[in-house]
């Protein structure tokens, strides 16, 4: 009897999920924290996002493309969190003028 190989799950969903979590985390921290402590907490959240990215990609149990998927997750999260931080920084500068 031939064993039918199951189609692997699409790992792209994990990358997009990490991006969504990073965007939500950055927005929540940006709106709830004062500007003096916001940067430190964004950095802590990014560390958690890196760990989340590893956990999500390890849960797929597919070694093919693991480094590419993790780097896409972390790179996209860094870009999103950086853009949100820059937007909050620009708004704080505009409010100070």
C-alpha atoms as a PDB file:
ATOM      1  CA  UNK A   1       0.000   0.000   0.000  1.00  0.00           C
ATOM      2  CA  UNK A   2       1.239   3.429  -0.841  1.00  0.00           C
ATOM      3  CA  UNK A   3       1.250   6.066   1.855  1.00  0.00           C
ATOM      4  CA  UNK A   4      -0.236   9.309   0.684  1.00  0.00           C
ATOM      5  CA  UNK A   5       1.815  12.288   1.785  1.00  0.00           C
ATOM      6  CA  UNK A   6      -0.262  14.971   3.343  1.00  0.00           C
ATOM      7  CA  UNK A   7       0.165  18.469   2.017  1.00  0.00           C
ATOM      8  CA  UNK A   8       2.155  20.552   4.495  1.00  0.00           C
ATOM      9  CA  UNK A   9       0.534  23.513   6.133  1.00  0.00           C
ATOM     10  CA  UNK A  10       1.224  26.887   4.568  1.00  0.00           C
ATOM     11  CA  UNK A  11       3.964  28.481   6.667  1.00  0.00           C
ATOM     12  CA  UNK A  12       3.233  31.936   5.274  1.00  0.00           C
ATOM     13  CA  UNK A  13       0.297  32.211   7.650  1.00  0.00           C
ATOM     14  CA  UNK A  14       2.712  32.073  10.580  1.00  0.00           C
ATOM     15  CA  UNK A  15       4.754  34.957   9.175  1.00  0.00           C
ATOM     16  CA  UNK A  16       1.648  37.095   8.702  1.00  0.00           C
ATOM     17  CA  UNK A  17       0.393  36.198  12.188  1.00  0.00           C
ATOM     18  CA  UNK A  18       3.660  37.406  13.735  1.00  0.00           C
ATOM     19  CA  UNK A  19       3.405  40.642  11.750  1.00  0.00           C
ATOM     20  CA  UNK A  20      -0.159  41.169  12.984  1.00  0.00           C
ATOM     21  CA  UNK A  21       0.820  40.564  16.604  1.00  0.00           C
ATOM     22  CA  UNK A  22       3.738  42.987  16.303  1.00  0.00           C
ATOM     23  CA  UNK A  23       1.514  45.681  14.789  1.00  0.00           C
ATOM     24  CA  UNK A  24      -1.118  45.274  17.503  1.00  0.00           C
ATOM     25  CA  UNK A  25       1.536  45.276  20.246  1.00  0.00           C
ATOM     26  CA  UNK A  26       3.169  48.442  18.906  1.00  0.00           C
ATOM     27  CA  UNK A  27      -0.151  50.247  18.600  1.00  0.00           C
ATOM     28  CA  UNK A  28      -1.333  49.220  22.061  1.00  0.00           C
ATOM     29  CA  UNK A  29       1.957  50.258  23.647  1.00  0.00           C
ATOM     30  CA  UNK A  30       2.019  53.488  21.666  1.00  0.00           C
ATOM     31  CA  UNK A  31      -1.459  54.546  22.716  1.00  0.00           C
ATOM     32  CA  UNK A  32      -1.304  53.432  26.351  1.00  0.00           C
ATOM     33  CA  UNK A  33       2.199  54.425  27.479  1.00  0.00           C
ATOM     34  CA  UNK A  34       3.666  57.878  27.975  1.00  0.00           C
ATOM     35  CA  UNK A  35       6.361  58.955  25.537  1.00  0.00           C
ATOM     36  CA  UNK A  36       9.143  58.734  28.152  1.00  0.00           C
ATOM     37  CA  UNK A  37       8.877  54.956  28.583  1.00  0.00           C
ATOM     38  CA  UNK A  38       7.454  53.962  25.203  1.00  0.00           C
ATOM     39  CA  UNK A  39      10.787  53.152  23.518  1.00  0.00           C
ATOM     40  CA  UNK A  40      11.910  50.739  26.212  1.00  0.00           C
ATOM     41  CA  UNK A  41       8.658  48.840  26.151  1.00  0.00           C
ATOM     42  CA  UNK A  42       8.658  48.674  22.352  1.00  0.00           C
ATOM     43  CA  UNK A  43      12.103  47.047  22.553  1.00  0.00           C
ATOM     44  CA  UNK A  44      10.876  44.550  25.146  1.00  0.00           C
ATOM     45  CA  UNK A  45       7.864  43.767  22.962  1.00  0.00           C
ATOM     46  CA  UNK A  46      10.153  43.228  19.980  1.00  0.00           C
ATOM     47  CA  UNK A  47      12.153  40.696  21.987  1.00  0.00           C
ATOM     48  CA  UNK A  48       8.907  38.863  22.693  1.00  0.00           C
ATOM     49  CA  UNK A  49       8.049  38.996  18.994  1.00  0.00           C
ATOM     50  CA  UNK A  50      11.385  37.351  18.127  1.00  0.00           C
ATOM     51  CA  UNK A  51      10.623  34.526  20.561  1.00  0.00           C
ATOM     52  CA  UNK A  52       7.090  34.245  19.184  1.00  0.00           C
ATOM     53  CA  UNK A  53       8.476  34.010  15.665  1.00  0.00           C
ATOM     54  CA  UNK A  54      10.715  31.097  16.628  1.00  0.00           C
ATOM     55  CA  UNK A  55       7.850  29.349  18.425  1.00  0.00           C
ATOM     56  CA  UNK A  56       5.442  29.745  15.518  1.00  0.00           C
ATOM     57  CA  UNK A  57       7.913  28.512  12.922  1.00  0.00           C
ATOM     58  CA  UNK A  58       9.039  25.603  15.087  1.00  0.00           C
ATOM     59  CA  UNK A  59       5.420  24.539  15.466  1.00  0.00           C
ATOM     60  CA  UNK A  60       5.255  23.900  11.710  1.00  0.00           C
ATOM     61  CA  UNK A  61       7.982  21.221  12.062  1.00  0.00           C
ATOM     62  CA  UNK A  62       9.324  21.908   8.562  1.00  0.00           C
ATOM     63  CA  UNK A  63      13.071  22.437   8.322  1.00  0.00           C
ATOM     64  CA  UNK A  64      12.925  23.607   4.700  1.00  0.00           C
ATOM     65  CA  UNK A  65      13.087  27.385   4.649  1.00  0.00           C
ATOM     66  CA  UNK A  66      13.089  27.789   8.429  1.00  0.00           C
ATOM     67  CA  UNK A  67      15.710  30.547   8.433  1.00  0.00           C
ATOM     68  CA  UNK A  68      13.958  32.408   5.620  1.00  0.00           C
ATOM     69  CA  UNK A  69      10.597  32.238   7.406  1.00  0.00           C
ATOM     70  CA  UNK A  70      12.014  33.390  10.738  1.00  0.00           C
ATOM     71  CA  UNK A  71      13.956  36.211   9.116  1.00  0.00           C
ATOM     72  CA  UNK A  72      10.856  37.307   7.197  1.00  0.00           C
ATOM     73  CA  UNK A  73       8.840  37.267  10.424  1.00  0.00           C
ATOM     74  CA  UNK A  74      11.411  39.195  12.427  1.00  0.00           C
ATOM     75  CA  UNK A  75      12.292  41.614   9.618  1.00  0.00           C
ATOM     76  CA  UNK A  76       8.668  42.454   8.907  1.00  0.00           C
ATOM     77  CA  UNK A  77       7.929  42.884  12.603  1.00  0.00           C
ATOM     78  CA  UNK A  78      10.932  45.186  12.960  1.00  0.00           C
ATOM     79  CA  UNK A  79       9.761  47.270  10.023  1.00  0.00           C
ATOM     80  CA  UNK A  80       6.179  47.513  11.299  1.00  0.00           C
ATOM     81  CA  UNK A  81       7.178  48.359  14.854  1.00  0.00           C
ATOM     82  CA  UNK A  82       9.702  50.888  13.581  1.00  0.00           C
ATOM     83  CA  UNK A  83       7.114  52.622  11.421  1.00  0.00           C
ATOM     84  CA  UNK A  84       4.637  52.781  14.299  1.00  0.00           C
ATOM     85  CA  UNK A  85       7.341  54.133  16.618  1.00  0.00           C
ATOM     86  CA  UNK A  86       8.346  56.729  14.046  1.00  0.00           C
ATOM     87  CA  UNK A  87       4.729  57.822  13.662  1.00  0.00           C
ATOM     88  CA  UNK A  88       4.360  58.252  17.418  1.00  0.00           C
ATOM     89  CA  UNK A  89       7.677  60.125  17.544  1.00  0.00           C
ATOM     90  CA  UNK A  90       6.642  62.493  14.784  1.00  0.00           C
ATOM     91  CA  UNK A  91       3.293  63.113  16.469  1.00  0.00           C
ATOM     92  CA  UNK A  92       5.063  63.873  19.760  1.00  0.00           C
ATOM     93  CA  UNK A  93       7.342  66.354  17.951  1.00  0.00           C
ATOM     94  CA  UNK A  94       4.387  67.982  16.245  1.00  0.00           C
ATOM     95  CA  UNK A  95       2.563  68.310  19.557  1.00  0.00           C
ATOM     96  CA  UNK A  96       5.634  69.948  21.132  1.00  0.00           C
ATOM     97  CA  UNK A  97       5.697  72.660  18.452  1.00  0.00           C
END
